N, C-alpha and C. Protein backbone atom coordinates (compact mmCIF):
# COMPACT_ATOMS: atom_id res chain seq x y z
N UNK A 1 0.79 -1.15 0.07
CA UNK A 1 -0.01 -0.09 0.02
C UNK A 1 0.95 1.26 0.04
N UNK A 2 1.86 1.26 0.80
CA UNK A 2 2.74 2.46 0.96
C UNK A 2 3.44 2.75 -0.38
N UNK A 3 3.93 1.67 -1.19
CA UNK A 3 4.62 1.77 -2.33
C UNK A 3 3.73 2.38 -3.43
N UNK A 4 2.44 2.06 -3.37
CA UNK A 4 1.49 2.58 -4.36
C UNK A 4 1.33 4.15 -4.18
N UNK A 5 1.23 4.56 -2.84
CA UNK A 5 0.99 5.97 -2.46
C UNK A 5 2.42 6.68 -2.89
N UNK A 6 3.42 6.07 -2.63
CA UNK A 6 4.73 6.72 -2.94
C UNK A 6 4.89 6.96 -4.46
N UNK A 7 4.62 5.91 -5.16
CA UNK A 7 4.77 6.07 -6.69
C UNK A 7 3.66 7.14 -7.16
N UNK A 8 2.59 7.16 -6.64
CA UNK A 8 1.45 8.06 -7.10
C UNK A 8 1.98 9.61 -6.89
N UNK A 9 2.57 9.79 -5.71
CA UNK A 9 3.08 11.13 -5.24
C UNK A 9 4.24 11.49 -6.27
N UNK A 10 5.16 10.46 -6.60
CA UNK A 10 6.18 10.74 -7.45
C UNK A 10 5.66 11.13 -8.90
N UNK A 11 4.68 10.32 -9.44
CA UNK A 11 3.96 10.72 -10.53
C UNK A 11 3.32 12.16 -10.54
N UNK A 12 2.81 12.51 -9.50
CA UNK A 12 2.11 13.82 -9.33
C UNK A 12 3.12 14.95 -9.44
N UNK A 13 4.31 14.59 -8.65
CA UNK A 13 5.22 15.69 -8.77
C UNK A 13 5.86 15.81 -10.09
N UNK A 14 6.16 14.66 -10.89
CA UNK A 14 6.63 14.68 -12.11
C UNK A 14 5.75 15.25 -13.17
N UNK A 15 4.41 15.22 -13.08
CA UNK A 15 3.52 15.82 -13.95
C UNK A 15 3.43 17.32 -13.69
N UNK A 16 3.43 17.70 -12.34
CA UNK A 16 3.35 19.19 -11.97
C UNK A 16 4.51 19.87 -12.57
N UNK A 17 5.69 19.16 -12.49
CA UNK A 17 6.98 19.84 -13.03
C UNK A 17 6.91 20.04 -14.49
N UNK A 18 6.50 18.92 -15.22
CA UNK A 18 6.46 19.14 -16.70
C UNK A 18 5.33 20.09 -17.11
N UNK A 19 4.21 20.11 -16.31
CA UNK A 19 3.30 21.12 -16.75
C UNK A 19 3.69 22.54 -16.41
N UNK A 20 4.40 22.82 -15.26
CA UNK A 20 4.97 24.09 -15.09
C UNK A 20 6.02 24.39 -16.04
N UNK A 21 6.82 23.48 -16.58
CA UNK A 21 7.74 23.99 -17.71
C UNK A 21 7.05 24.30 -18.88
N UNK A 22 6.05 23.51 -19.25
CA UNK A 22 5.32 23.84 -20.48
C UNK A 22 4.58 25.15 -20.36
N UNK A 23 4.10 25.46 -19.12
CA UNK A 23 3.37 26.83 -18.99
C UNK A 23 4.50 27.90 -19.17
N UNK A 24 5.65 27.69 -18.53
CA UNK A 24 6.69 28.79 -18.71
C UNK A 24 7.06 28.89 -20.22
N UNK A 25 7.09 27.76 -20.86
CA UNK A 25 7.54 27.83 -22.35
C UNK A 25 6.55 28.54 -23.08
N UNK A 26 5.19 28.28 -22.78
CA UNK A 26 4.16 29.01 -23.43
C UNK A 26 4.16 30.46 -23.24
N UNK A 27 4.44 30.82 -21.95
CA UNK A 27 4.56 32.28 -21.57
C UNK A 27 5.67 32.94 -22.35
N UNK A 28 6.82 32.16 -22.48
CA UNK A 28 8.00 32.64 -23.23
C UNK A 28 7.74 32.93 -24.57
N UNK A 29 6.88 31.98 -25.20
CA UNK A 29 6.54 32.12 -26.68
C UNK A 29 5.67 33.36 -26.77
N UNK A 30 4.77 33.63 -25.90
CA UNK A 30 3.82 34.72 -26.01
C UNK A 30 4.57 36.18 -25.74
N UNK A 31 5.35 36.17 -24.70
CA UNK A 31 6.02 37.43 -24.32
C UNK A 31 7.30 37.69 -25.07
N UNK A 32 7.93 36.60 -25.58
CA UNK A 32 9.21 36.67 -26.15
C UNK A 32 10.26 36.33 -25.15
N UNK A 33 11.51 35.91 -25.55
CA UNK A 33 12.49 35.54 -24.68
C UNK A 33 12.91 36.81 -23.58
N UNK A 34 13.05 36.29 -22.36
CA UNK A 34 13.26 37.28 -21.28
C UNK A 34 14.73 37.47 -21.19
N UNK A 35 15.17 38.77 -21.22
CA UNK A 35 16.69 39.08 -21.23
C UNK A 35 17.26 38.70 -19.84
């Protein structure tokens, strides 16, 4: 049971990190590269 919860948390962190990077990339495309 514990390993399932741990793997779920790891997946959640992984997806949140990738989503945050995609969001920053979209913002950079809209605003242009930040100096």
